[in-house]
Each structure stands twice: as structure tokens, then as C-alpha cells.
N, C-alpha and C. Protein backbone atom coordinates (compact mmCIF):
# COMPACT_ATOMS: atom_id res chain seq x y z
N MET A 1 105.35 -47.20 -60.54
CA MET A 1 105.98 -46.18 -61.39
C MET A 1 106.28 -46.80 -62.75
N ASP A 2 106.17 -45.98 -63.80
CA ASP A 2 106.54 -46.44 -65.12
C ASP A 2 107.34 -45.34 -65.82
N GLU A 3 108.20 -45.76 -66.74
CA GLU A 3 109.00 -44.81 -67.51
C GLU A 3 108.17 -44.41 -68.73
N VAL A 4 107.52 -43.26 -68.62
CA VAL A 4 106.53 -42.86 -69.62
C VAL A 4 107.19 -42.55 -70.95
N ILE A 5 108.35 -41.93 -70.94
CA ILE A 5 109.25 -41.81 -72.09
C ILE A 5 110.65 -42.02 -71.54
N ASP A 6 111.63 -42.21 -72.42
CA ASP A 6 112.99 -42.43 -71.96
C ASP A 6 113.43 -41.31 -71.04
N GLY A 7 113.73 -41.65 -69.79
CA GLY A 7 114.27 -40.67 -68.87
C GLY A 7 113.25 -39.94 -68.02
N VAL A 8 111.95 -40.27 -68.12
CA VAL A 8 110.94 -39.62 -67.29
C VAL A 8 110.05 -40.69 -66.65
N LEU A 9 110.05 -40.72 -65.33
CA LEU A 9 109.18 -41.61 -64.59
C LEU A 9 107.84 -40.93 -64.30
N HIS A 10 106.81 -41.73 -64.26
CA HIS A 10 105.46 -41.25 -63.94
C HIS A 10 104.84 -42.18 -62.92
N TRP A 11 104.07 -41.61 -62.00
CA TRP A 11 103.27 -42.43 -61.11
C TRP A 11 102.00 -41.68 -60.73
N ALA A 12 100.97 -42.45 -60.38
CA ALA A 12 99.68 -41.89 -60.00
C ALA A 12 99.36 -42.31 -58.58
N THR A 13 98.83 -41.37 -57.78
CA THR A 13 98.54 -41.61 -56.37
C THR A 13 97.23 -40.93 -56.01
N TYR A 14 96.45 -41.58 -55.19
CA TYR A 14 95.19 -40.98 -54.76
C TYR A 14 95.45 -39.87 -53.75
N HIS A 15 94.90 -38.69 -54.02
CA HIS A 15 95.07 -37.50 -53.18
C HIS A 15 93.81 -37.37 -52.32
N GLU A 16 93.93 -37.70 -51.04
CA GLU A 16 92.76 -37.69 -50.17
C GLU A 16 92.18 -36.28 -50.01
N GLY A 17 93.04 -35.26 -50.07
CA GLY A 17 92.59 -33.90 -49.86
C GLY A 17 91.60 -33.42 -50.91
N ILE A 18 91.77 -33.87 -52.15
CA ILE A 18 90.86 -33.44 -53.22
C ILE A 18 89.99 -34.59 -53.73
N GLY A 19 90.21 -35.79 -53.20
CA GLY A 19 89.39 -36.92 -53.59
C GLY A 19 89.60 -37.37 -55.02
N GLN A 20 90.81 -37.20 -55.53
CA GLN A 20 91.11 -37.58 -56.92
C GLN A 20 92.51 -38.20 -56.99
N THR A 21 92.72 -38.96 -58.04
CA THR A 21 94.06 -39.43 -58.35
C THR A 21 94.83 -38.31 -59.04
N VAL A 22 96.06 -38.07 -58.58
CA VAL A 22 96.91 -37.05 -59.18
C VAL A 22 98.18 -37.72 -59.69
N HIS A 23 98.94 -36.95 -60.46
CA HIS A 23 100.07 -37.52 -61.18
C HIS A 23 101.35 -36.74 -60.88
N SER A 24 102.43 -37.49 -60.76
CA SER A 24 103.74 -36.93 -60.44
C SER A 24 104.77 -37.52 -61.40
N HIS A 25 105.91 -36.82 -61.50
CA HIS A 25 106.93 -37.22 -62.46
C HIS A 25 108.33 -36.96 -61.92
N MET A 26 109.30 -37.67 -62.49
CA MET A 26 110.71 -37.46 -62.16
C MET A 26 111.54 -37.51 -63.43
N HIS A 27 112.37 -36.49 -63.63
CA HIS A 27 113.30 -36.44 -64.76
C HIS A 27 114.60 -37.05 -64.28
N LEU A 28 114.92 -38.23 -64.78
CA LEU A 28 116.02 -38.99 -64.23
C LEU A 28 117.38 -38.32 -64.46
N ALA A 29 117.57 -37.68 -65.60
CA ALA A 29 118.87 -37.10 -65.91
C ALA A 29 119.25 -35.98 -64.94
N SER A 30 118.27 -35.20 -64.50
CA SER A 30 118.55 -34.08 -63.61
C SER A 30 118.20 -34.37 -62.15
N GLY A 31 117.40 -35.39 -61.90
CA GLY A 31 116.91 -35.65 -60.55
C GLY A 31 115.78 -34.76 -60.13
N ALA A 32 115.18 -34.01 -61.06
CA ALA A 32 114.06 -33.13 -60.74
C ALA A 32 112.78 -33.95 -60.56
N ILE A 33 112.06 -33.65 -59.48
CA ILE A 33 110.80 -34.32 -59.18
C ILE A 33 109.71 -33.26 -59.22
N PHE A 34 108.62 -33.55 -59.92
CA PHE A 34 107.57 -32.58 -60.18
C PHE A 34 106.30 -32.92 -59.40
N ASP A 35 105.80 -31.95 -58.62
CA ASP A 35 104.49 -32.04 -57.97
C ASP A 35 104.29 -33.39 -57.26
N PRO A 36 105.19 -33.75 -56.35
CA PRO A 36 105.19 -35.14 -55.90
C PRO A 36 104.19 -35.46 -54.80
N LEU A 37 103.33 -36.41 -55.07
CA LEU A 37 102.64 -37.18 -54.04
C LEU A 37 103.35 -38.54 -54.06
N LEU A 38 103.80 -38.99 -52.91
CA LEU A 38 104.72 -40.13 -52.88
C LEU A 38 104.10 -41.39 -53.49
N PRO A 39 104.90 -42.15 -54.22
CA PRO A 39 104.41 -43.40 -54.81
C PRO A 39 104.43 -44.52 -53.78
N GLU A 40 103.94 -45.67 -54.17
CA GLU A 40 104.08 -46.86 -53.33
C GLU A 40 105.57 -47.08 -53.05
N GLY A 41 105.90 -47.29 -51.81
CA GLY A 41 107.30 -47.42 -51.43
C GLY A 41 107.87 -46.14 -50.86
N GLY A 42 107.11 -45.04 -50.96
CA GLY A 42 107.50 -43.79 -50.32
C GLY A 42 108.71 -43.12 -50.95
N ALA A 43 109.33 -42.24 -50.18
CA ALA A 43 110.47 -41.47 -50.67
C ALA A 43 111.62 -42.37 -51.09
N GLU A 44 111.77 -43.49 -50.41
CA GLU A 44 112.87 -44.40 -50.72
C GLU A 44 112.73 -44.99 -52.12
N ALA A 45 111.50 -45.15 -52.59
CA ALA A 45 111.30 -45.70 -53.94
C ALA A 45 111.86 -44.75 -54.99
N LEU A 46 111.75 -43.45 -54.76
CA LEU A 46 112.29 -42.50 -55.72
C LEU A 46 113.81 -42.50 -55.67
N GLY A 47 114.37 -42.63 -54.49
CA GLY A 47 115.82 -42.70 -54.39
C GLY A 47 116.40 -43.93 -55.06
N ALA A 48 115.63 -45.01 -55.06
CA ALA A 48 116.09 -46.23 -55.75
C ALA A 48 116.05 -46.06 -57.26
N ALA A 49 115.16 -45.19 -57.75
CA ALA A 49 115.04 -44.98 -59.19
C ALA A 49 116.09 -44.02 -59.73
N GLY A 50 116.51 -43.08 -58.91
CA GLY A 50 117.48 -42.07 -59.34
C GLY A 50 117.80 -41.18 -58.16
N LEU A 51 118.75 -40.28 -58.32
CA LEU A 51 119.17 -39.41 -57.22
C LEU A 51 118.36 -38.12 -57.26
N PRO A 52 117.41 -37.93 -56.36
CA PRO A 52 116.63 -36.69 -56.37
C PRO A 52 117.52 -35.48 -56.08
N SER A 53 117.28 -34.40 -56.82
CA SER A 53 118.12 -33.20 -56.65
C SER A 53 117.31 -31.95 -56.34
N VAL A 54 116.04 -31.90 -56.74
CA VAL A 54 115.21 -30.72 -56.53
C VAL A 54 113.75 -31.11 -56.72
N VAL A 55 112.87 -30.48 -55.95
CA VAL A 55 111.43 -30.64 -56.16
C VAL A 55 110.92 -29.38 -56.84
N LEU A 56 110.23 -29.53 -57.94
CA LEU A 56 109.72 -28.40 -58.71
C LEU A 56 108.19 -28.41 -58.66
N LEU A 57 107.63 -27.27 -58.26
CA LEU A 57 106.19 -27.13 -58.18
C LEU A 57 105.69 -26.37 -59.40
N SER A 58 104.68 -26.92 -60.04
CA SER A 58 104.13 -26.24 -61.22
C SER A 58 103.17 -25.12 -60.83
N ASN A 59 102.67 -25.14 -59.62
CA ASN A 59 102.03 -23.97 -59.02
C ASN A 59 102.02 -24.15 -57.50
N ARG A 60 101.60 -23.13 -56.80
CA ARG A 60 101.72 -23.13 -55.34
C ARG A 60 100.82 -24.16 -54.67
N HIS A 61 99.81 -24.65 -55.38
CA HIS A 61 98.87 -25.60 -54.80
C HIS A 61 99.39 -27.04 -54.82
N HIS A 62 100.53 -27.29 -55.43
CA HIS A 62 101.00 -28.65 -55.65
C HIS A 62 102.17 -29.03 -54.75
N LEU A 63 102.16 -28.51 -53.52
CA LEU A 63 103.22 -28.87 -52.58
C LEU A 63 103.21 -30.36 -52.28
N ARG A 64 102.03 -30.90 -52.05
CA ARG A 64 101.86 -32.34 -51.85
C ARG A 64 102.89 -32.87 -50.83
N HIS A 65 103.75 -33.81 -51.22
CA HIS A 65 104.74 -34.38 -50.30
C HIS A 65 106.15 -33.81 -50.53
N ALA A 66 106.21 -32.61 -51.09
CA ALA A 66 107.52 -32.01 -51.38
C ALA A 66 108.39 -31.89 -50.13
N ALA A 67 107.78 -31.51 -49.01
CA ALA A 67 108.56 -31.31 -47.80
C ALA A 67 109.18 -32.62 -47.31
N VAL A 68 108.49 -33.73 -47.50
CA VAL A 68 109.04 -35.03 -47.11
C VAL A 68 110.29 -35.33 -47.93
N LEU A 69 110.22 -35.10 -49.22
CA LEU A 69 111.37 -35.36 -50.08
C LEU A 69 112.52 -34.41 -49.77
N ALA A 70 112.19 -33.16 -49.51
CA ALA A 70 113.23 -32.18 -49.18
C ALA A 70 113.99 -32.60 -47.93
N GLU A 71 113.25 -33.08 -46.93
CA GLU A 71 113.90 -33.50 -45.69
C GLU A 71 114.67 -34.80 -45.87
N THR A 72 114.08 -35.74 -46.60
CA THR A 72 114.71 -37.05 -46.78
C THR A 72 116.04 -36.94 -47.53
N TYR A 73 116.06 -36.12 -48.57
CA TYR A 73 117.24 -36.07 -49.44
C TYR A 73 118.04 -34.78 -49.32
N GLY A 74 117.59 -33.85 -48.48
CA GLY A 74 118.32 -32.60 -48.32
C GLY A 74 118.35 -31.77 -49.59
N ILE A 75 117.21 -31.72 -50.27
CA ILE A 75 117.13 -31.03 -51.57
C ILE A 75 116.18 -29.85 -51.46
N PRO A 76 116.32 -28.86 -52.34
CA PRO A 76 115.43 -27.70 -52.28
C PRO A 76 114.08 -27.96 -52.93
N ILE A 77 113.10 -27.17 -52.52
CA ILE A 77 111.81 -27.08 -53.19
C ILE A 77 111.78 -25.75 -53.91
N ARG A 78 111.34 -25.73 -55.17
CA ARG A 78 111.32 -24.49 -55.92
C ARG A 78 109.95 -24.27 -56.56
N CYS A 79 109.50 -23.03 -56.53
CA CYS A 79 108.23 -22.61 -57.13
C CYS A 79 108.46 -21.26 -57.78
N HIS A 80 107.65 -20.92 -58.77
CA HIS A 80 107.79 -19.59 -59.36
C HIS A 80 107.61 -18.53 -58.29
N GLU A 81 108.36 -17.45 -58.45
CA GLU A 81 108.41 -16.39 -57.43
C GLU A 81 107.03 -15.82 -57.08
N ALA A 82 106.10 -15.83 -58.02
CA ALA A 82 104.76 -15.28 -57.75
C ALA A 82 103.96 -16.13 -56.79
N GLY A 83 104.39 -17.37 -56.55
CA GLY A 83 103.66 -18.25 -55.65
C GLY A 83 104.25 -18.37 -54.27
N LEU A 84 105.35 -17.66 -54.00
CA LEU A 84 106.04 -17.84 -52.73
C LEU A 84 105.24 -17.34 -51.53
N HIS A 85 104.28 -16.46 -51.75
CA HIS A 85 103.47 -15.95 -50.64
C HIS A 85 102.71 -17.06 -49.93
N ALA A 86 102.54 -18.21 -50.59
CA ALA A 86 101.82 -19.32 -49.98
C ALA A 86 102.68 -20.07 -48.96
N PHE A 87 103.97 -19.76 -48.92
CA PHE A 87 104.89 -20.52 -48.08
C PHE A 87 105.56 -19.61 -47.05
N THR A 88 104.75 -18.90 -46.29
CA THR A 88 105.23 -18.02 -45.23
C THR A 88 104.57 -18.39 -43.92
N GLY A 89 105.14 -17.96 -42.85
CA GLY A 89 104.56 -18.22 -41.55
C GLY A 89 105.12 -19.47 -40.89
N ALA A 90 104.75 -19.64 -39.64
CA ALA A 90 105.25 -20.76 -38.85
C ALA A 90 104.86 -22.09 -39.48
N GLY A 91 105.84 -22.97 -39.57
CA GLY A 91 105.60 -24.30 -40.09
C GLY A 91 105.63 -24.44 -41.59
N ALA A 92 105.76 -23.32 -42.30
CA ALA A 92 105.80 -23.39 -43.77
C ALA A 92 107.15 -23.95 -44.23
N PRO A 93 107.16 -24.73 -45.27
CA PRO A 93 108.43 -25.26 -45.78
C PRO A 93 109.25 -24.15 -46.43
N ASP A 94 110.54 -24.37 -46.51
CA ASP A 94 111.44 -23.44 -47.18
C ASP A 94 111.34 -23.68 -48.69
N VAL A 95 110.83 -22.70 -49.40
CA VAL A 95 110.64 -22.83 -50.84
C VAL A 95 111.41 -21.72 -51.54
N GLU A 96 112.23 -22.08 -52.51
CA GLU A 96 113.04 -21.13 -53.26
C GLU A 96 112.31 -20.68 -54.52
N ALA A 97 112.69 -19.52 -55.00
CA ALA A 97 112.03 -18.93 -56.17
C ALA A 97 112.76 -19.28 -57.46
N PHE A 98 111.99 -19.38 -58.54
CA PHE A 98 112.56 -19.32 -59.88
C PHE A 98 111.73 -18.34 -60.70
N ALA A 99 112.24 -17.96 -61.84
CA ALA A 99 111.55 -17.04 -62.75
C ALA A 99 111.26 -17.77 -64.05
N PHE A 100 110.25 -17.29 -64.75
CA PHE A 100 109.98 -17.87 -66.07
C PHE A 100 111.17 -17.63 -66.98
N GLY A 101 111.52 -18.65 -67.74
CA GLY A 101 112.70 -18.59 -68.59
C GLY A 101 113.91 -19.25 -67.98
N ASP A 102 113.87 -19.50 -66.66
CA ASP A 102 115.01 -20.13 -65.99
C ASP A 102 115.13 -21.59 -66.37
N GLU A 103 116.38 -22.06 -66.47
CA GLU A 103 116.63 -23.50 -66.48
C GLU A 103 116.64 -23.93 -65.02
N VAL A 104 115.57 -24.54 -64.57
CA VAL A 104 115.38 -24.81 -63.15
C VAL A 104 116.05 -26.10 -62.70
N ALA A 105 116.46 -26.91 -63.65
CA ALA A 105 117.28 -28.10 -63.45
C ALA A 105 117.89 -28.39 -64.81
N PRO A 106 119.00 -29.10 -64.87
CA PRO A 106 119.58 -29.38 -66.18
C PRO A 106 118.60 -30.08 -67.11
N GLY A 107 118.31 -29.43 -68.23
CA GLY A 107 117.36 -29.98 -69.18
C GLY A 107 115.91 -29.69 -68.88
N VAL A 108 115.64 -28.79 -67.92
CA VAL A 108 114.27 -28.44 -67.56
C VAL A 108 114.16 -26.92 -67.50
N ARG A 109 113.23 -26.36 -68.29
CA ARG A 109 113.04 -24.91 -68.33
C ARG A 109 111.60 -24.56 -67.95
N ALA A 110 111.46 -23.46 -67.19
CA ALA A 110 110.14 -23.02 -66.73
C ALA A 110 109.58 -21.98 -67.68
N THR A 111 108.32 -22.18 -68.08
CA THR A 111 107.62 -21.27 -68.98
C THR A 111 106.31 -20.86 -68.33
N GLY A 112 105.94 -19.60 -68.45
CA GLY A 112 104.68 -19.14 -67.88
C GLY A 112 103.52 -19.37 -68.82
N LEU A 113 102.38 -19.76 -68.26
CA LEU A 113 101.19 -19.95 -69.09
C LEU A 113 100.41 -18.65 -69.23
N GLY A 114 100.55 -17.75 -68.23
CA GLY A 114 99.94 -16.43 -68.36
C GLY A 114 98.48 -16.37 -67.99
N ALA A 115 97.98 -17.36 -67.28
CA ALA A 115 96.57 -17.37 -66.89
C ALA A 115 96.38 -18.33 -65.73
N LEU A 116 95.23 -18.25 -65.13
CA LEU A 116 94.76 -19.09 -64.03
C LEU A 116 95.38 -18.65 -62.70
N THR A 117 96.69 -18.80 -62.53
CA THR A 117 97.40 -18.24 -61.39
C THR A 117 98.65 -17.55 -61.91
N PRO A 118 99.15 -16.53 -61.20
CA PRO A 118 100.34 -15.83 -61.69
C PRO A 118 101.56 -16.74 -61.84
N GLU A 119 101.62 -17.79 -61.01
CA GLU A 119 102.79 -18.67 -61.04
C GLU A 119 102.56 -19.93 -61.88
N GLU A 120 101.46 -20.01 -62.59
CA GLU A 120 101.14 -21.22 -63.36
C GLU A 120 102.26 -21.52 -64.36
N THR A 121 102.93 -22.64 -64.15
CA THR A 121 104.16 -22.97 -64.87
C THR A 121 103.96 -24.19 -65.75
N VAL A 122 104.50 -24.11 -66.96
CA VAL A 122 104.65 -25.27 -67.83
C VAL A 122 106.14 -25.57 -67.88
N PHE A 123 106.52 -26.79 -67.54
CA PHE A 123 107.93 -27.18 -67.60
C PHE A 123 108.22 -27.85 -68.93
N ARG A 124 109.24 -27.34 -69.61
CA ARG A 124 109.74 -27.98 -70.83
C ARG A 124 110.87 -28.92 -70.43
N ILE A 125 110.73 -30.20 -70.75
CA ILE A 125 111.66 -31.22 -70.29
C ILE A 125 112.38 -31.82 -71.49
N ASP A 126 113.70 -31.80 -71.42
CA ASP A 126 114.54 -32.36 -72.48
C ASP A 126 114.70 -33.86 -72.22
N ALA A 127 113.78 -34.63 -72.75
CA ALA A 127 113.80 -36.08 -72.61
C ALA A 127 112.99 -36.66 -73.74
N GLY A 128 113.41 -37.80 -74.25
CA GLY A 128 112.70 -38.43 -75.35
C GLY A 128 112.49 -37.46 -76.49
N PRO A 129 111.25 -37.34 -76.98
CA PRO A 129 110.97 -36.43 -78.09
C PRO A 129 110.72 -34.99 -77.64
N GLY A 130 110.92 -34.74 -76.35
CA GLY A 130 110.59 -33.44 -75.77
C GLY A 130 109.22 -33.51 -75.11
N ALA A 131 109.10 -32.95 -73.89
CA ALA A 131 107.86 -33.04 -73.15
C ALA A 131 107.49 -31.70 -72.54
N LEU A 132 106.19 -31.47 -72.41
CA LEU A 132 105.65 -30.34 -71.66
C LEU A 132 104.89 -30.90 -70.47
N LEU A 133 105.11 -30.31 -69.30
CA LEU A 133 104.41 -30.74 -68.09
C LEU A 133 103.53 -29.60 -67.60
N PHE A 134 102.23 -29.89 -67.42
CA PHE A 134 101.24 -28.88 -67.08
C PHE A 134 100.79 -28.99 -65.63
N ALA A 135 100.47 -27.83 -65.05
CA ALA A 135 99.92 -27.76 -63.70
C ALA A 135 98.41 -27.93 -63.77
N ASP A 136 97.66 -26.83 -63.64
CA ASP A 136 96.20 -26.88 -63.69
C ASP A 136 95.64 -26.22 -64.95
N GLY A 137 96.51 -25.65 -65.78
CA GLY A 137 96.06 -24.94 -66.97
C GLY A 137 95.57 -25.84 -68.07
N LEU A 138 95.95 -27.12 -68.02
CA LEU A 138 95.48 -28.10 -68.99
C LEU A 138 95.49 -29.44 -68.29
N ILE A 139 94.38 -30.18 -68.40
CA ILE A 139 94.30 -31.49 -67.77
C ILE A 139 93.88 -32.50 -68.82
N ARG A 140 93.90 -33.77 -68.44
CA ARG A 140 93.49 -34.83 -69.36
C ARG A 140 92.57 -35.78 -68.60
N ARG A 141 91.39 -35.97 -69.15
CA ARG A 141 90.40 -36.84 -68.50
C ARG A 141 89.77 -37.74 -69.55
N ASP A 142 89.75 -39.04 -69.26
CA ASP A 142 89.18 -40.02 -70.19
C ASP A 142 89.80 -39.88 -71.58
N GLY A 143 91.10 -39.59 -71.60
CA GLY A 143 91.83 -39.50 -72.85
C GLY A 143 91.72 -38.18 -73.58
N GLU A 144 90.93 -37.23 -73.05
CA GLU A 144 90.69 -35.96 -73.74
C GLU A 144 91.35 -34.80 -73.00
N LEU A 145 91.95 -33.88 -73.77
CA LEU A 145 92.46 -32.65 -73.18
C LEU A 145 91.30 -31.73 -72.84
N MET A 146 91.40 -31.02 -71.74
CA MET A 146 90.34 -30.10 -71.33
C MET A 146 90.85 -29.13 -70.29
N PHE A 147 90.05 -28.11 -70.03
CA PHE A 147 90.30 -27.21 -68.93
C PHE A 147 89.61 -27.75 -67.68
N VAL A 148 90.05 -27.26 -66.52
CA VAL A 148 89.36 -27.63 -65.28
C VAL A 148 87.93 -27.09 -65.33
N PRO A 149 87.02 -27.61 -64.52
CA PRO A 149 85.63 -27.13 -64.55
C PRO A 149 85.52 -25.63 -64.30
N ASP A 150 84.49 -25.03 -64.87
CA ASP A 150 84.32 -23.58 -64.80
C ASP A 150 84.33 -23.05 -63.36
N GLN A 151 83.81 -23.83 -62.43
CA GLN A 151 83.74 -23.33 -61.05
C GLN A 151 85.12 -23.16 -60.43
N LEU A 152 86.14 -23.72 -61.06
CA LEU A 152 87.51 -23.55 -60.58
C LEU A 152 88.26 -22.46 -61.34
N LEU A 153 87.59 -21.79 -62.24
CA LEU A 153 88.25 -20.78 -63.08
C LEU A 153 87.93 -19.35 -62.66
N GLY A 154 87.31 -19.18 -61.50
CA GLY A 154 87.06 -17.83 -61.02
C GLY A 154 85.73 -17.28 -61.48
N GLU A 155 85.59 -15.96 -61.35
CA GLU A 155 84.31 -15.30 -61.62
C GLU A 155 84.01 -15.14 -63.10
N ASP A 156 85.04 -15.22 -63.94
CA ASP A 156 84.84 -15.03 -65.39
C ASP A 156 85.52 -16.18 -66.14
N PRO A 157 84.95 -17.36 -66.11
CA PRO A 157 85.60 -18.52 -66.71
C PRO A 157 85.92 -18.36 -68.19
N GLU A 158 85.07 -17.70 -68.96
CA GLU A 158 85.30 -17.60 -70.40
C GLU A 158 86.54 -16.75 -70.69
N THR A 159 86.74 -15.68 -69.92
CA THR A 159 87.94 -14.88 -70.10
C THR A 159 89.19 -15.68 -69.74
N VAL A 160 89.12 -16.42 -68.65
CA VAL A 160 90.27 -17.24 -68.25
C VAL A 160 90.58 -18.27 -69.32
N LYS A 161 89.56 -18.88 -69.90
CA LYS A 161 89.80 -19.88 -70.95
C LYS A 161 90.41 -19.24 -72.19
N ARG A 162 90.00 -18.04 -72.52
CA ARG A 162 90.64 -17.35 -73.65
C ARG A 162 92.11 -17.09 -73.36
N GLU A 163 92.41 -16.68 -72.13
CA GLU A 163 93.80 -16.43 -71.76
C GLU A 163 94.61 -17.72 -71.77
N LEU A 164 94.01 -18.81 -71.32
CA LEU A 164 94.70 -20.10 -71.36
C LEU A 164 94.96 -20.53 -72.80
N ARG A 165 93.99 -20.35 -73.66
CA ARG A 165 94.20 -20.71 -75.07
C ARG A 165 95.34 -19.90 -75.68
N SER A 166 95.43 -18.63 -75.32
CA SER A 166 96.52 -17.81 -75.83
C SER A 166 97.87 -18.33 -75.34
N GLY A 167 97.95 -18.67 -74.06
CA GLY A 167 99.19 -19.21 -73.53
C GLY A 167 99.56 -20.54 -74.14
N LEU A 168 98.59 -21.41 -74.34
CA LEU A 168 98.84 -22.71 -74.96
C LEU A 168 99.28 -22.56 -76.41
N THR A 169 98.71 -21.59 -77.11
CA THR A 169 99.10 -21.34 -78.50
C THR A 169 100.56 -20.91 -78.57
N ARG A 170 101.00 -20.10 -77.62
CA ARG A 170 102.41 -19.68 -77.60
C ARG A 170 103.34 -20.88 -77.45
N LEU A 171 102.92 -21.88 -76.71
CA LEU A 171 103.77 -23.06 -76.52
C LEU A 171 104.04 -23.78 -77.83
N LEU A 172 103.08 -23.73 -78.75
CA LEU A 172 103.26 -24.41 -80.03
C LEU A 172 104.38 -23.79 -80.86
N GLY A 173 104.71 -22.54 -80.58
CA GLY A 173 105.78 -21.87 -81.31
C GLY A 173 107.15 -22.02 -80.68
N GLY A 174 107.24 -22.77 -79.60
CA GLY A 174 108.51 -22.92 -78.90
C GLY A 174 109.24 -24.18 -79.30
N ASP A 175 109.94 -24.77 -78.34
CA ASP A 175 110.74 -25.96 -78.59
C ASP A 175 109.88 -27.13 -79.06
N GLN A 176 110.52 -28.07 -79.70
CA GLN A 176 109.81 -29.25 -80.17
C GLN A 176 109.40 -30.12 -78.99
N PHE A 177 108.23 -30.73 -79.09
CA PHE A 177 107.75 -31.66 -78.08
C PHE A 177 106.77 -32.61 -78.73
N ASP A 178 106.65 -33.79 -78.14
CA ASP A 178 105.66 -34.75 -78.63
C ASP A 178 104.94 -35.44 -77.48
N THR A 179 105.37 -35.16 -76.24
CA THR A 179 104.79 -35.78 -75.06
C THR A 179 104.18 -34.71 -74.18
N LEU A 180 102.99 -34.98 -73.65
CA LEU A 180 102.33 -34.09 -72.70
C LEU A 180 102.19 -34.81 -71.37
N LEU A 181 102.62 -34.14 -70.30
CA LEU A 181 102.53 -34.66 -68.94
C LEU A 181 101.65 -33.74 -68.12
N PHE A 182 100.93 -34.31 -67.16
CA PHE A 182 99.92 -33.54 -66.44
C PHE A 182 100.01 -33.82 -64.95
N ALA A 183 99.76 -32.77 -64.15
CA ALA A 183 99.53 -32.98 -62.72
C ALA A 183 98.19 -33.65 -62.49
N HIS A 184 97.27 -33.44 -63.44
CA HIS A 184 95.93 -34.03 -63.35
C HIS A 184 95.60 -34.71 -64.67
N GLY A 185 95.94 -35.99 -64.76
CA GLY A 185 95.63 -36.74 -65.96
C GLY A 185 96.76 -37.64 -66.39
N GLU A 186 96.41 -38.71 -67.07
CA GLU A 186 97.41 -39.65 -67.58
C GLU A 186 98.27 -38.99 -68.65
N PRO A 187 99.55 -39.34 -68.71
CA PRO A 187 100.42 -38.76 -69.74
C PRO A 187 99.95 -39.12 -71.15
N LEU A 188 100.25 -38.23 -72.07
CA LEU A 188 100.07 -38.51 -73.49
C LEU A 188 101.46 -38.72 -74.05
N ARG A 189 101.83 -39.97 -74.25
CA ARG A 189 103.21 -40.33 -74.53
C ARG A 189 103.67 -39.85 -75.90
N ALA A 190 102.80 -39.86 -76.88
CA ALA A 190 103.16 -39.47 -78.23
C ALA A 190 101.97 -38.77 -78.88
N GLY A 191 102.28 -37.92 -79.86
CA GLY A 191 101.23 -37.18 -80.54
C GLY A 191 100.73 -35.98 -79.78
N GLY A 192 101.52 -35.51 -78.82
CA GLY A 192 101.08 -34.41 -77.98
C GLY A 192 100.91 -33.10 -78.71
N ARG A 193 101.83 -32.80 -79.62
CA ARG A 193 101.71 -31.54 -80.37
C ARG A 193 100.43 -31.54 -81.20
N GLN A 194 100.17 -32.63 -81.90
CA GLN A 194 98.97 -32.71 -82.72
C GLN A 194 97.72 -32.64 -81.85
N ALA A 195 97.75 -33.27 -80.69
CA ALA A 195 96.59 -33.23 -79.81
C ALA A 195 96.34 -31.82 -79.28
N LEU A 196 97.41 -31.10 -78.95
CA LEU A 196 97.25 -29.72 -78.49
C LEU A 196 96.73 -28.83 -79.61
N GLU A 197 97.26 -29.01 -80.80
CA GLU A 197 96.76 -28.22 -81.94
C GLU A 197 95.27 -28.50 -82.16
N ALA A 198 94.87 -29.75 -82.09
CA ALA A 198 93.47 -30.10 -82.29
C ALA A 198 92.59 -29.52 -81.19
N PHE A 199 93.06 -29.54 -79.97
CA PHE A 199 92.30 -28.96 -78.86
C PHE A 199 92.09 -27.47 -79.06
N LEU A 200 93.11 -26.78 -79.50
CA LEU A 200 93.02 -25.33 -79.66
C LEU A 200 92.20 -24.94 -80.88
N SER A 201 92.06 -25.85 -81.82
CA SER A 201 91.28 -25.54 -83.03
C SER A 201 89.79 -25.70 -82.77
């Protein structure tokens, strides 16, 4: 684990289910943990770094090891209300709802991207110069911002990409930020606003 900016931990873990390395984060001031696949040392390693208080999912597909953390620390798992249908039936974890615009943890606000999935959430994190954390709507590969491959964007990828661009453009008019964090990709510690503007241009 490394402190990617003051107050935000980052770690990368290989996800056997998708055959890729994925990325998780923890906001130390609030104890919020985002899209967690456990780091080396397991759940106890996160408890040693700070007091976990809530697991936040950026979309319904990122449950990962959330249930382990919820059980270990007695904390809730939260996902946008549009994604709760994925957590029903026998054996499903207890997942609480939030709405776009909610402060889902102290210093963390949920914003809707408006494309890809109904619950696709961008978390605005009050840490360092300000950070945005993305689910699947924006990824980073080999240092470059990009969308996921077209085959993952449904039957009309070009329309989805236009909708994603519109949602990303709206983010530029919101709170100040300079760091970009990703469920899929290495963090961009500084220059995030300029990089997003360049991507959209």
C-alpha cells in the first residue's frame, strides 16, 4: 500500500476473476474503503492503517472483498440505489443504498456519471488537492486515460462514449480536483484536471 496523496491509501491486487490487476483505495480521514480487493496482509492490514468505517462501491460489479471487510469490522457496504438489485437472494451481502449527491462518508460525495450503468458513481474525495475516483467509466492504461474496450460498452459503443464524455465534462465544472483515482488503472497523483481536459478535447 502507498499513500497516493495525503490521506488516501492505494493498493493494487490481481483479480483472478477478470485476469487483471485492479485498484482499491482508502480515505483515512473518514475510514471509507473503495472497491476493495484485499491487499497483502488481508483485512488486518487495512485496520492497521486506519479505522475502516464503510465500504463504498463505485458500481455493483465491484463488490470484490467488501463482505470480508464488512464482517471483520462490522461496517456497512454501500452502493448507489440503482445497483441494489444485484444484491438480493440467498447468500447476498447486506448492501445499503445511497443517492447521487449524498455525502456517503465525511469528506466523500457521490456523483453520477450518467452512462454505462445506472449506478456508475464518481466519488469526490476531500483529500490533498481534491480527488475523483472512477469505476468503469474512465480507466488508465499505460499512463493514458481511456474508455473500456468497445465490447464492454454494449450494443452501441459510440453512443455510450458520447454519454460518458458528457458526464466527464460535467465533472470539470464541479469541485476542484487534481488527482484521479481508478478502479482500473494506476492513480494520476497530479495534473488530473489537465489530463481530463486533454482527454475530452
